[in-house]
């Protein structure tokens, strides 16, 4: 049986042979846009936005949340690499809706092994020891997708290091249809400052 490592290296060999003109791509994204989205394996930001390699920056984390590190990347994306429009894209059926900070802390306090999602909720069956360090982390869980998109766009828009000229759009990706659904309140908040003052 092939290991994942072997599969990846074999695939990379093929990728190298087809790399071609990608070697000449500049670092700044062609379309001057950045997408902040979830790490969920079902999401293909280049596919759902009709993009190709070199078009955009894609920043991913659990939930597509506007964490300090996500904002760090977005600020670099604009300040040094010229992006002018940012998209915050959460999605339906997100795993971040299935637990809370307290549940994660309890699971990790029990053990560091993989937990199981049962009809009764998350259950840890691994052998300890775990760690109490999880209680000091904000896991940025989600209780309502639209509200989380609005909250993230607002946090980015109001961040003192974010240029008021950047446009920020809020969307939810439907994992059953592939459709991007705009969250109007988020996109309104994300308008460049000058546009918002004139609307």
Foldseek 3Di string as FASTA:
>chain_A
DDDPVVVVVVVVVVCVVVVPPVVVADPAAPQLEEEQEEPPPLDDVCVLVVHDPRHYHYHYYQQSAQDPVVLVVVLCNCPVRNRAEYEREGEPPGPLQQDALVVVLVQQCQAPDDWDQDPVGTDHPDHDRGDNCSNVDHPLGDNDSLVRQLVRLLCSCPDPSHALRHQYWYWYQYSVPRDTHGSVNSRLSRHRPVVNVVD
